[in-house]
Each structure stands twice: as C-alpha cells, then as structure tokens.
Amino acid sequence: MLSSLHKDHLNIARLLELLKQKLAAIHAEQPISYFLVRDVIDYLREVSDKYHHPKEDLIYDYYLKYRVVEGEVANRLQEEHVKLLEAGGELKEMVEMILMDAVIPLDQFTAKLERFVELQEAHMNYEEGIIFPHLRDSLTEDDWRHLEQNWQNRAIGDPLFGAEVSQNFQALAKRLSLPPISQA
C-alpha cells in the first residue's frame, strides 16, 4: 500500500512541476492556460479527496489505534489534509472566477498558487520522510494484509494515471504525454 501511495506522490510531483512552470510563465509575464491549471487542481482534489488521502487515513488511523504515537505526530497528518483541501478549494474558486472573466489581481492568484504548491510539497515530504518510515517500521505483514483487505472494499481507479484516462482529464493527459483513453 505504501508503494502505491509513493507512486501517487511521484504523479502528484509531476503535476506540481507543471504548476511551477505556469508560475514561472506568469513571473515572465507570459500567458498561461487557466484551463490546464483548473484541470490539475480538479485532478488533485478529486484523487486526493476520494482516493489518496482516504487511503492514507485508513492506514494512519489503524496505526494510531494500535501503536503508541506522540500527540503532535498523531494529529498533524489529518490537519494537513484539511489544509490542503481548503487551499485547493480556494484556488479552484479563484481559477473558476478567472475563467468566467472576473478580474482577479495576478499577484493574488500567484500567491494562492504558490501557497498551494508549497503546501502540497511540504505535505508529501513530511509523509515520505516521517510518516511512511514510521509505518514501514511499525506495521507487521498481518497489519498490511488487514489494511489491504479493508481498502479493497473502497478502491477506485486513478482517473489520470490509472489504466484508463477519464474523459475529464484528456487535455491534461495530453499535456503530460500520457497514452490516450482506450477505445475498447
């Protein structure tokens, strides 16, 4: 399960790099595709909220229930998930307003986008550097089997990096040079 979460992080890092390219273009006073920014945010919100964070939470809740964990560490992961959800919602709302031709100061947009990228990267670094090693060292094979079984009841496919690319993310897949949706 940790390997699939790590793979998710690698995919998220690709998308964050794309957002950083958009930030660099803005700073260079070049036009960007706000539709592409919206697609990245939509993907991150959809997959994080429905798949990635619930999977992490399932593992982490189990870990907290059956292992001794210090207070700050115990609460930080869920708090960060809430912050990411809020930051993503604010950014999504701002991008939608821009796409509807609302006048949004560029410095406000770039500040929100930079904050979103920074929060995402810091969160993944925390998980990869602190949380995942704790989980690896603490949970047994039986624990992982139990968690895997519980997760199978909720598993959904990744709409961008999974076996098939969702119609909603075709433009983003093309930008990332991912294979097109199967026509089977």
N, C-alpha and C. Protein backbone atom coordinates (compact mmCIF):
# COMPACT_ATOMS: atom_id res chain seq x y z
N MET A 1 0.83 -1.20 0.00
CA MET A 1 0.00 0.00 0.00
C MET A 1 0.87 1.26 0.00
N LEU A 2 1.97 1.20 0.73
CA LEU A 2 2.85 2.37 0.75
C LEU A 2 3.46 2.61 -0.63
N SER A 3 3.73 1.54 -1.36
CA SER A 3 4.30 1.73 -2.69
C SER A 3 3.31 2.43 -3.61
N SER A 4 2.02 2.13 -3.48
CA SER A 4 1.03 2.82 -4.32
C SER A 4 0.90 4.29 -3.89
N LEU A 5 1.01 4.57 -2.59
CA LEU A 5 0.98 5.96 -2.13
C LEU A 5 2.21 6.71 -2.62
N HIS A 6 3.36 6.04 -2.60
CA HIS A 6 4.59 6.67 -3.10
C HIS A 6 4.46 6.97 -4.60
N LYS A 7 3.88 6.03 -5.34
CA LYS A 7 3.65 6.25 -6.77
C LYS A 7 2.72 7.44 -6.97
N ASP A 8 1.67 7.54 -6.14
CA ASP A 8 0.78 8.71 -6.21
C ASP A 8 1.58 9.99 -6.01
N HIS A 9 2.50 9.98 -5.04
CA HIS A 9 3.31 11.17 -4.77
C HIS A 9 4.17 11.54 -5.98
N LEU A 10 4.72 10.55 -6.65
CA LEU A 10 5.51 10.83 -7.86
C LEU A 10 4.63 11.46 -8.93
N ASN A 11 3.42 10.96 -9.09
CA ASN A 11 2.49 11.53 -10.07
C ASN A 11 2.08 12.95 -9.67
N ILE A 12 1.81 13.15 -8.40
CA ILE A 12 1.45 14.49 -7.91
C ILE A 12 2.61 15.45 -8.13
N ALA A 13 3.83 14.98 -7.90
CA ALA A 13 5.01 15.83 -8.12
C ALA A 13 5.10 16.27 -9.58
N ARG A 14 4.74 15.40 -10.51
CA ARG A 14 4.72 15.79 -11.93
C ARG A 14 3.74 16.94 -12.16
N LEU A 15 2.59 16.84 -11.53
CA LEU A 15 1.57 17.88 -11.70
C LEU A 15 2.00 19.17 -11.01
N LEU A 16 2.64 19.06 -9.87
CA LEU A 16 3.13 20.27 -9.19
C LEU A 16 4.21 20.95 -10.02
N GLU A 17 5.02 20.15 -10.68
CA GLU A 17 6.05 20.72 -11.57
C GLU A 17 5.38 21.50 -12.71
N LEU A 18 4.30 20.97 -13.22
CA LEU A 18 3.54 21.67 -14.26
C LEU A 18 3.01 23.01 -13.73
N LEU A 19 2.51 23.01 -12.50
CA LEU A 19 2.03 24.26 -11.89
C LEU A 19 3.19 25.24 -11.68
N LYS A 20 4.36 24.72 -11.33
CA LYS A 20 5.53 25.60 -11.17
C LYS A 20 5.93 26.22 -12.51
N GLN A 21 5.79 25.46 -13.58
CA GLN A 21 6.07 26.01 -14.91
C GLN A 21 5.10 27.15 -15.22
N LYS A 22 3.85 26.97 -14.82
CA LYS A 22 2.86 28.03 -15.03
C LYS A 22 3.21 29.26 -14.20
N LEU A 23 3.67 29.06 -12.98
CA LEU A 23 4.10 30.18 -12.14
C LEU A 23 5.28 30.91 -12.78
N ALA A 24 6.24 30.16 -13.30
CA ALA A 24 7.40 30.77 -13.97
C ALA A 24 6.95 31.59 -15.18
N ALA A 25 5.99 31.06 -15.92
CA ALA A 25 5.46 31.79 -17.08
C ALA A 25 4.78 33.09 -16.63
N ILE A 26 4.02 33.03 -15.56
CA ILE A 26 3.36 34.23 -15.04
C ILE A 26 4.41 35.26 -14.63
N HIS A 27 5.44 34.82 -13.92
CA HIS A 27 6.50 35.74 -13.49
C HIS A 27 7.24 36.34 -14.68
N ALA A 28 7.30 35.59 -15.78
CA ALA A 28 7.94 36.09 -17.01
C ALA A 28 6.95 36.86 -17.88
N GLU A 29 5.77 37.10 -17.32
CA GLU A 29 4.70 37.85 -17.99
C GLU A 29 4.27 37.20 -19.30
N GLN A 30 4.25 35.87 -19.30
CA GLN A 30 3.78 35.10 -20.45
C GLN A 30 2.38 34.59 -20.13
N PRO A 31 1.55 34.41 -21.16
CA PRO A 31 0.20 33.89 -20.91
C PRO A 31 0.25 32.41 -20.52
N ILE A 32 -0.74 31.99 -19.75
CA ILE A 32 -0.86 30.58 -19.37
C ILE A 32 -2.27 30.10 -19.67
N SER A 33 -2.43 28.79 -19.69
CA SER A 33 -3.75 28.20 -19.85
C SER A 33 -4.35 27.98 -18.47
N TYR A 34 -5.34 28.79 -18.13
CA TYR A 34 -6.02 28.61 -16.85
C TYR A 34 -6.88 27.34 -16.86
N PHE A 35 -7.25 26.89 -18.05
CA PHE A 35 -7.98 25.63 -18.17
C PHE A 35 -7.09 24.47 -17.69
N LEU A 36 -5.82 24.51 -18.09
CA LEU A 36 -4.88 23.48 -17.67
C LEU A 36 -4.66 23.53 -16.15
N VAL A 37 -4.52 24.73 -15.61
CA VAL A 37 -4.37 24.88 -14.16
C VAL A 37 -5.60 24.31 -13.46
N ARG A 38 -6.78 24.62 -13.99
CA ARG A 38 -8.02 24.09 -13.41
C ARG A 38 -8.04 22.56 -13.45
N ASP A 39 -7.61 21.99 -14.59
CA ASP A 39 -7.60 20.53 -14.70
C ASP A 39 -6.66 19.89 -13.67
N VAL A 40 -5.50 20.50 -13.46
CA VAL A 40 -4.56 19.97 -12.46
C VAL A 40 -5.20 20.02 -11.08
N ILE A 41 -5.79 21.15 -10.74
CA ILE A 41 -6.42 21.32 -9.43
C ILE A 41 -7.59 20.35 -9.27
N ASP A 42 -8.41 20.22 -10.32
CA ASP A 42 -9.53 19.27 -10.27
C ASP A 42 -9.03 17.86 -10.01
N TYR A 43 -7.99 17.47 -10.73
CA TYR A 43 -7.44 16.13 -10.54
C TYR A 43 -6.93 15.95 -9.11
N LEU A 44 -6.12 16.90 -8.66
CA LEU A 44 -5.55 16.77 -7.32
C LEU A 44 -6.64 16.70 -6.26
N ARG A 45 -7.67 17.49 -6.43
CA ARG A 45 -8.77 17.47 -5.46
C ARG A 45 -9.54 16.16 -5.55
N GLU A 46 -9.86 15.75 -6.76
CA GLU A 46 -10.65 14.52 -6.93
C GLU A 46 -9.91 13.31 -6.38
N VAL A 47 -8.68 13.14 -6.81
CA VAL A 47 -7.93 11.95 -6.40
C VAL A 47 -7.53 12.03 -4.93
N SER A 48 -7.10 13.21 -4.48
CA SER A 48 -6.71 13.34 -3.07
C SER A 48 -7.90 13.11 -2.15
N ASP A 49 -9.02 13.73 -2.47
CA ASP A 49 -10.19 13.66 -1.59
C ASP A 49 -10.88 12.30 -1.61
N LYS A 50 -10.90 11.65 -2.77
CA LYS A 50 -11.67 10.41 -2.90
C LYS A 50 -10.82 9.15 -2.80
N TYR A 51 -9.52 9.29 -3.00
CA TYR A 51 -8.69 8.10 -3.08
C TYR A 51 -7.44 8.18 -2.21
N HIS A 52 -6.57 9.13 -2.53
CA HIS A 52 -5.25 9.18 -1.90
C HIS A 52 -5.32 9.43 -0.39
N HIS A 53 -5.93 10.53 0.01
CA HIS A 53 -6.00 10.84 1.45
C HIS A 53 -6.84 9.83 2.23
N PRO A 54 -7.97 9.36 1.70
CA PRO A 54 -8.68 8.30 2.44
C PRO A 54 -7.83 7.04 2.64
N LYS A 55 -7.01 6.69 1.65
CA LYS A 55 -6.13 5.53 1.80
C LYS A 55 -5.09 5.79 2.89
N GLU A 56 -4.49 6.98 2.85
CA GLU A 56 -3.53 7.34 3.90
C GLU A 56 -4.21 7.34 5.26
N ASP A 57 -5.40 7.91 5.32
CA ASP A 57 -6.12 7.99 6.59
C ASP A 57 -6.47 6.61 7.13
N LEU A 58 -6.86 5.69 6.25
CA LEU A 58 -7.16 4.32 6.68
C LEU A 58 -5.94 3.70 7.35
N ILE A 59 -4.79 3.83 6.70
CA ILE A 59 -3.55 3.26 7.24
C ILE A 59 -3.17 3.97 8.53
N TYR A 60 -3.23 5.29 8.50
CA TYR A 60 -2.77 6.07 9.64
C TYR A 60 -3.69 5.91 10.85
N ASP A 61 -4.99 5.84 10.61
CA ASP A 61 -5.93 5.62 11.72
C ASP A 61 -5.66 4.26 12.38
N TYR A 62 -5.39 3.27 11.57
CA TYR A 62 -5.05 1.94 12.10
C TYR A 62 -3.76 2.03 12.92
N TYR A 63 -2.78 2.71 12.37
CA TYR A 63 -1.50 2.91 13.06
C TYR A 63 -1.71 3.59 14.41
N LEU A 64 -2.50 4.65 14.43
CA LEU A 64 -2.75 5.38 15.68
C LEU A 64 -3.50 4.52 16.69
N LYS A 65 -4.39 3.68 16.20
CA LYS A 65 -5.19 2.84 17.09
C LYS A 65 -4.36 1.74 17.76
N TYR A 66 -3.38 1.21 17.03
CA TYR A 66 -2.65 0.05 17.52
C TYR A 66 -1.19 0.31 17.89
N ARG A 67 -0.72 1.54 17.75
CA ARG A 67 0.66 1.87 18.10
C ARG A 67 0.68 3.11 18.99
N VAL A 68 1.71 3.25 19.80
CA VAL A 68 1.86 4.43 20.65
C VAL A 68 2.49 5.54 19.80
N VAL A 69 1.79 6.68 19.72
CA VAL A 69 2.24 7.78 18.88
C VAL A 69 2.12 9.07 19.69
N GLU A 70 3.13 9.94 19.55
CA GLU A 70 3.11 11.22 20.27
C GLU A 70 2.04 12.14 19.70
N GLY A 71 1.52 13.05 20.55
CA GLY A 71 0.40 13.91 20.22
C GLY A 71 0.51 14.70 18.94
N GLU A 72 1.62 15.44 18.74
CA GLU A 72 1.75 16.29 17.55
C GLU A 72 1.74 15.46 16.28
N VAL A 73 2.48 14.36 16.31
CA VAL A 73 2.54 13.47 15.14
C VAL A 73 1.16 12.88 14.88
N ALA A 74 0.44 12.56 15.94
CA ALA A 74 -0.86 11.92 15.80
C ALA A 74 -1.86 12.78 15.05
N ASN A 75 -1.83 14.08 15.24
CA ASN A 75 -2.83 14.96 14.64
C ASN A 75 -2.38 15.64 13.35
N ARG A 76 -1.10 15.73 13.13
CA ARG A 76 -0.59 16.55 12.03
C ARG A 76 -1.09 16.10 10.66
N LEU A 77 -1.09 14.81 10.40
CA LEU A 77 -1.47 14.33 9.07
C LEU A 77 -2.89 14.75 8.70
N GLN A 78 -3.84 14.51 9.59
CA GLN A 78 -5.22 14.90 9.31
C GLN A 78 -5.35 16.41 9.17
N GLU A 79 -4.64 17.17 9.99
CA GLU A 79 -4.68 18.63 9.90
C GLU A 79 -4.16 19.11 8.55
N GLU A 80 -3.09 18.49 8.07
CA GLU A 80 -2.55 18.86 6.77
C GLU A 80 -3.53 18.51 5.65
N HIS A 81 -4.20 17.38 5.76
CA HIS A 81 -5.19 17.01 4.74
C HIS A 81 -6.30 18.07 4.67
N VAL A 82 -6.72 18.57 5.82
CA VAL A 82 -7.75 19.62 5.86
C VAL A 82 -7.23 20.90 5.22
N LYS A 83 -5.99 21.29 5.55
CA LYS A 83 -5.39 22.50 4.97
C LYS A 83 -5.29 22.39 3.45
N LEU A 84 -4.89 21.22 2.96
CA LEU A 84 -4.77 21.02 1.52
C LEU A 84 -6.13 21.11 0.84
N LEU A 85 -7.13 20.55 1.47
CA LEU A 85 -8.49 20.61 0.94
C LEU A 85 -8.96 22.07 0.84
N GLU A 86 -8.72 22.83 1.89
CA GLU A 86 -9.12 24.24 1.90
C GLU A 86 -8.34 25.05 0.86
N ALA A 87 -7.03 24.86 0.81
CA ALA A 87 -6.20 25.61 -0.15
C ALA A 87 -6.59 25.27 -1.58
N GLY A 88 -6.87 24.00 -1.84
CA GLY A 88 -7.30 23.59 -3.17
C GLY A 88 -8.65 24.18 -3.53
N GLY A 89 -9.56 24.23 -2.57
CA GLY A 89 -10.87 24.83 -2.81
C GLY A 89 -10.78 26.31 -3.13
N GLU A 90 -9.96 27.02 -2.38
CA GLU A 90 -9.78 28.46 -2.62
C GLU A 90 -9.17 28.71 -3.99
N LEU A 91 -8.17 27.91 -4.35
CA LEU A 91 -7.51 28.08 -5.64
C LEU A 91 -8.47 27.73 -6.78
N LYS A 92 -9.21 26.65 -6.62
CA LYS A 92 -10.19 26.24 -7.64
C LYS A 92 -11.21 27.36 -7.86
N GLU A 93 -11.71 27.92 -6.77
CA GLU A 93 -12.68 29.01 -6.87
C GLU A 93 -12.10 30.21 -7.62
N MET A 94 -10.86 30.54 -7.33
CA MET A 94 -10.22 31.67 -7.99
C MET A 94 -10.03 31.40 -9.49
N VAL A 95 -9.59 30.20 -9.84
CA VAL A 95 -9.40 29.85 -11.25
C VAL A 95 -10.74 29.88 -11.99
N GLU A 96 -11.78 29.36 -11.36
CA GLU A 96 -13.11 29.40 -11.99
C GLU A 96 -13.55 30.84 -12.25
N MET A 97 -13.27 31.72 -11.31
CA MET A 97 -13.62 33.13 -11.50
C MET A 97 -12.85 33.73 -12.67
N ILE A 98 -11.56 33.41 -12.77
CA ILE A 98 -10.75 33.89 -13.89
C ILE A 98 -11.31 33.38 -15.21
N LEU A 99 -11.70 32.11 -15.24
CA LEU A 99 -12.25 31.52 -16.46
C LEU A 99 -13.60 32.12 -16.85
N MET A 100 -14.28 32.74 -15.87
CA MET A 100 -15.54 33.42 -16.17
C MET A 100 -15.30 34.92 -16.39
N ASP A 101 -14.04 35.27 -16.65
CA ASP A 101 -13.63 36.64 -16.97
C ASP A 101 -13.74 37.61 -15.81
N ALA A 102 -13.73 37.11 -14.59
CA ALA A 102 -13.68 38.01 -13.43
C ALA A 102 -12.27 38.61 -13.35
N VAL A 103 -12.19 39.82 -12.87
CA VAL A 103 -10.90 40.47 -12.73
C VAL A 103 -10.32 40.09 -11.37
N ILE A 104 -9.25 39.32 -11.42
CA ILE A 104 -8.55 38.88 -10.21
C ILE A 104 -7.12 39.40 -10.32
N PRO A 105 -6.64 40.15 -9.32
CA PRO A 105 -5.25 40.61 -9.37
C PRO A 105 -4.29 39.42 -9.51
N LEU A 106 -3.38 39.53 -10.46
CA LEU A 106 -2.46 38.44 -10.75
C LEU A 106 -1.60 38.08 -9.54
N ASP A 107 -1.23 39.07 -8.74
CA ASP A 107 -0.42 38.77 -7.56
C ASP A 107 -1.19 37.94 -6.54
N GLN A 108 -2.50 38.13 -6.45
CA GLN A 108 -3.31 37.30 -5.54
C GLN A 108 -3.38 35.86 -6.04
N PHE A 109 -3.56 35.72 -7.35
CA PHE A 109 -3.61 34.37 -7.93
C PHE A 109 -2.28 33.66 -7.74
N THR A 110 -1.18 34.33 -8.08
CA THR A 110 0.13 33.67 -7.96
C THR A 110 0.43 33.32 -6.50
N ALA A 111 0.04 34.18 -5.57
CA ALA A 111 0.26 33.89 -4.14
C ALA A 111 -0.50 32.63 -3.73
N LYS A 112 -1.75 32.50 -4.17
CA LYS A 112 -2.55 31.30 -3.84
C LYS A 112 -1.96 30.05 -4.48
N LEU A 113 -1.54 30.20 -5.74
CA LEU A 113 -0.97 29.06 -6.45
C LEU A 113 0.35 28.64 -5.81
N GLU A 114 1.20 29.61 -5.48
CA GLU A 114 2.47 29.29 -4.82
C GLU A 114 2.23 28.61 -3.47
N ARG A 115 1.28 29.12 -2.71
CA ARG A 115 0.98 28.53 -1.40
C ARG A 115 0.48 27.09 -1.56
N PHE A 116 -0.38 26.88 -2.54
CA PHE A 116 -0.91 25.54 -2.79
C PHE A 116 0.22 24.56 -3.13
N VAL A 117 1.11 24.96 -4.02
CA VAL A 117 2.23 24.10 -4.41
C VAL A 117 3.13 23.83 -3.21
N GLU A 118 3.43 24.88 -2.44
CA GLU A 118 4.29 24.72 -1.25
C GLU A 118 3.65 23.78 -0.23
N LEU A 119 2.36 23.93 0.02
CA LEU A 119 1.67 23.05 0.96
C LEU A 119 1.71 21.60 0.49
N GLN A 120 1.45 21.39 -0.79
CA GLN A 120 1.47 20.03 -1.34
C GLN A 120 2.85 19.40 -1.19
N GLU A 121 3.89 20.16 -1.56
CA GLU A 121 5.24 19.61 -1.50
C GLU A 121 5.67 19.33 -0.05
N ALA A 122 5.39 20.27 0.85
CA ALA A 122 5.75 20.08 2.25
C ALA A 122 5.02 18.86 2.84
N HIS A 123 3.77 18.71 2.47
CA HIS A 123 2.97 17.58 2.95
C HIS A 123 3.56 16.25 2.46
N MET A 124 3.88 16.17 1.18
CA MET A 124 4.44 14.93 0.65
C MET A 124 5.81 14.65 1.28
N ASN A 125 6.62 15.68 1.47
CA ASN A 125 7.93 15.49 2.11
C ASN A 125 7.78 14.97 3.53
N TYR A 126 6.80 15.49 4.25
CA TYR A 126 6.52 15.03 5.61
C TYR A 126 6.12 13.56 5.61
N GLU A 127 5.23 13.21 4.71
CA GLU A 127 4.79 11.82 4.64
C GLU A 127 5.94 10.89 4.26
N GLU A 128 6.65 11.25 3.20
CA GLU A 128 7.74 10.39 2.71
C GLU A 128 8.89 10.31 3.72
N GLY A 129 9.18 11.41 4.41
CA GLY A 129 10.33 11.44 5.30
C GLY A 129 10.05 11.02 6.73
N ILE A 130 8.82 11.20 7.20
CA ILE A 130 8.49 10.91 8.60
C ILE A 130 7.45 9.80 8.73
N ILE A 131 6.29 10.01 8.11
CA ILE A 131 5.17 9.09 8.32
C ILE A 131 5.42 7.71 7.70
N PHE A 132 5.78 7.66 6.43
CA PHE A 132 5.95 6.36 5.78
C PHE A 132 7.02 5.51 6.46
N PRO A 133 8.18 6.08 6.84
CA PRO A 133 9.16 5.25 7.56
C PRO A 133 8.61 4.70 8.89
N HIS A 134 7.84 5.52 9.62
CA HIS A 134 7.22 5.03 10.86
C HIS A 134 6.28 3.86 10.56
N LEU A 135 5.48 4.00 9.53
CA LEU A 135 4.54 2.94 9.17
C LEU A 135 5.29 1.68 8.76
N ARG A 136 6.32 1.84 7.94
CA ARG A 136 7.11 0.71 7.48
C ARG A 136 7.74 -0.05 8.66
N ASP A 137 8.25 0.71 9.62
CA ASP A 137 8.93 0.10 10.77
C ASP A 137 7.97 -0.49 11.79
N SER A 138 6.75 0.02 11.85
CA SER A 138 5.84 -0.34 12.94
C SER A 138 4.80 -1.39 12.58
N LEU A 139 4.34 -1.39 11.35
CA LEU A 139 3.24 -2.30 10.99
C LEU A 139 3.79 -3.64 10.50
N THR A 140 3.11 -4.69 10.88
CA THR A 140 3.53 -6.05 10.52
C THR A 140 2.89 -6.47 9.20
N GLU A 141 3.32 -7.62 8.71
CA GLU A 141 2.70 -8.16 7.49
C GLU A 141 1.21 -8.40 7.70
N ASP A 142 0.83 -8.87 8.88
CA ASP A 142 -0.59 -9.07 9.18
C ASP A 142 -1.35 -7.74 9.17
N ASP A 143 -0.72 -6.71 9.72
CA ASP A 143 -1.35 -5.38 9.68
C ASP A 143 -1.60 -4.95 8.24
N TRP A 144 -0.59 -5.12 7.39
CA TRP A 144 -0.73 -4.70 5.99
C TRP A 144 -1.81 -5.51 5.27
N ARG A 145 -1.87 -6.83 5.56
CA ARG A 145 -2.91 -7.66 4.94
C ARG A 145 -4.30 -7.17 5.36
N HIS A 146 -4.45 -6.88 6.64
CA HIS A 146 -5.72 -6.37 7.15
C HIS A 146 -6.09 -5.05 6.46
N LEU A 147 -5.14 -4.15 6.36
CA LEU A 147 -5.39 -2.84 5.72
C LEU A 147 -5.72 -3.01 4.24
N GLU A 148 -4.98 -3.88 3.58
CA GLU A 148 -5.22 -4.11 2.15
C GLU A 148 -6.64 -4.64 1.93
N GLN A 149 -7.05 -5.57 2.77
CA GLN A 149 -8.40 -6.12 2.66
C GLN A 149 -9.45 -5.04 2.88
N ASN A 150 -9.26 -4.20 3.89
CA ASN A 150 -10.20 -3.11 4.14
C ASN A 150 -10.24 -2.12 2.99
N TRP A 151 -9.08 -1.87 2.37
CA TRP A 151 -9.04 -0.90 1.28
C TRP A 151 -9.71 -1.43 0.03
N GLN A 152 -9.62 -2.72 -0.23
CA GLN A 152 -10.20 -3.30 -1.44
C GLN A 152 -11.69 -2.99 -1.57
N ASN A 153 -12.35 -2.83 -0.45
CA ASN A 153 -13.78 -2.51 -0.46
C ASN A 153 -14.06 -1.10 -0.95
N ARG A 154 -13.03 -0.25 -0.96
CA ARG A 154 -13.23 1.16 -1.33
C ARG A 154 -12.45 1.59 -2.57
N ALA A 155 -11.62 0.74 -3.09
CA ALA A 155 -10.69 1.14 -4.14
C ALA A 155 -11.40 1.65 -5.40
N ILE A 156 -10.86 2.74 -5.94
CA ILE A 156 -11.32 3.27 -7.23
C ILE A 156 -10.09 3.48 -8.10
N GLY A 157 -10.30 3.56 -9.41
CA GLY A 157 -9.19 3.75 -10.32
C GLY A 157 -8.77 5.21 -10.41
N ASP A 158 -7.49 5.43 -10.66
CA ASP A 158 -6.95 6.77 -10.83
C ASP A 158 -7.40 7.30 -12.19
N PRO A 159 -8.10 8.45 -12.23
CA PRO A 159 -8.66 8.95 -13.49
C PRO A 159 -7.65 9.58 -14.44
N LEU A 160 -6.40 9.73 -14.03
CA LEU A 160 -5.37 10.31 -14.90
C LEU A 160 -4.22 9.34 -15.12
N PHE A 161 -3.68 8.77 -14.06
CA PHE A 161 -2.52 7.91 -14.15
C PHE A 161 -2.88 6.43 -14.09
N GLY A 162 -4.18 6.11 -14.06
CA GLY A 162 -4.64 4.72 -13.98
C GLY A 162 -4.65 4.04 -15.34
N ALA A 163 -5.32 2.90 -15.40
CA ALA A 163 -5.37 2.09 -16.62
C ALA A 163 -6.03 2.85 -17.78
N GLU A 164 -7.04 3.65 -17.47
CA GLU A 164 -7.71 4.46 -18.48
C GLU A 164 -7.79 5.89 -18.01
N VAL A 165 -7.58 6.81 -18.94
CA VAL A 165 -7.66 8.23 -18.63
C VAL A 165 -9.11 8.67 -18.77
N SER A 166 -9.64 9.27 -17.71
CA SER A 166 -11.01 9.79 -17.73
C SER A 166 -11.15 10.86 -18.80
N GLN A 167 -12.33 10.95 -19.37
CA GLN A 167 -12.61 11.98 -20.37
C GLN A 167 -12.33 13.38 -19.80
N ASN A 168 -12.58 13.57 -18.51
CA ASN A 168 -12.36 14.88 -17.88
C ASN A 168 -10.91 15.31 -17.88
N PHE A 169 -9.99 14.36 -18.00
CA PHE A 169 -8.57 14.69 -17.88
C PHE A 169 -7.78 14.41 -19.16
N GLN A 170 -8.46 14.32 -20.30
CA GLN A 170 -7.78 14.06 -21.56
C GLN A 170 -6.77 15.15 -21.91
N ALA A 171 -7.15 16.42 -21.75
CA ALA A 171 -6.24 17.53 -22.09
C ALA A 171 -5.01 17.50 -21.20
N LEU A 172 -5.21 17.21 -19.94
CA LEU A 172 -4.09 17.13 -19.00
C LEU A 172 -3.19 15.94 -19.34
N ALA A 173 -3.78 14.81 -19.68
CA ALA A 173 -3.00 13.63 -20.07
C ALA A 173 -2.17 13.93 -21.31
N LYS A 174 -2.76 14.64 -22.25
CA LYS A 174 -2.04 15.01 -23.47
C LYS A 174 -0.86 15.91 -23.12
N ARG A 175 -1.07 16.86 -22.23
CA ARG A 175 -0.01 17.79 -21.82
C ARG A 175 1.13 17.04 -21.13
N LEU A 176 0.79 15.97 -20.40
CA LEU A 176 1.78 15.17 -19.70
C LEU A 176 2.31 14.03 -20.56
N SER A 177 1.84 13.94 -21.81
CA SER A 177 2.22 12.89 -22.75
C SER A 177 1.85 11.50 -22.25
N LEU A 178 0.66 11.38 -21.68
CA LEU A 178 0.16 10.08 -21.25
C LEU A 178 -0.62 9.45 -22.40
N PRO A 179 -0.72 8.12 -22.44
CA PRO A 179 -1.46 7.47 -23.52
C PRO A 179 -2.94 7.88 -23.49
N PRO A 180 -3.57 7.95 -24.68
CA PRO A 180 -4.99 8.34 -24.73
C PRO A 180 -5.89 7.26 -24.14
N ILE A 181 -7.14 7.66 -23.89
CA ILE A 181 -8.14 6.73 -23.36
C ILE A 181 -8.33 5.58 -24.34
N SER A 182 -8.50 4.37 -23.81
CA SER A 182 -8.68 3.21 -24.69
C SER A 182 -10.05 3.29 -25.35
N GLN A 183 -10.13 2.83 -26.56
CA GLN A 183 -11.39 2.89 -27.32
C GLN A 183 -12.04 1.51 -27.40
N ALA A 184 -11.80 0.67 -26.43
CA ALA A 184 -12.32 -0.70 -26.44
C ALA A 184 -13.82 -0.75 -26.37
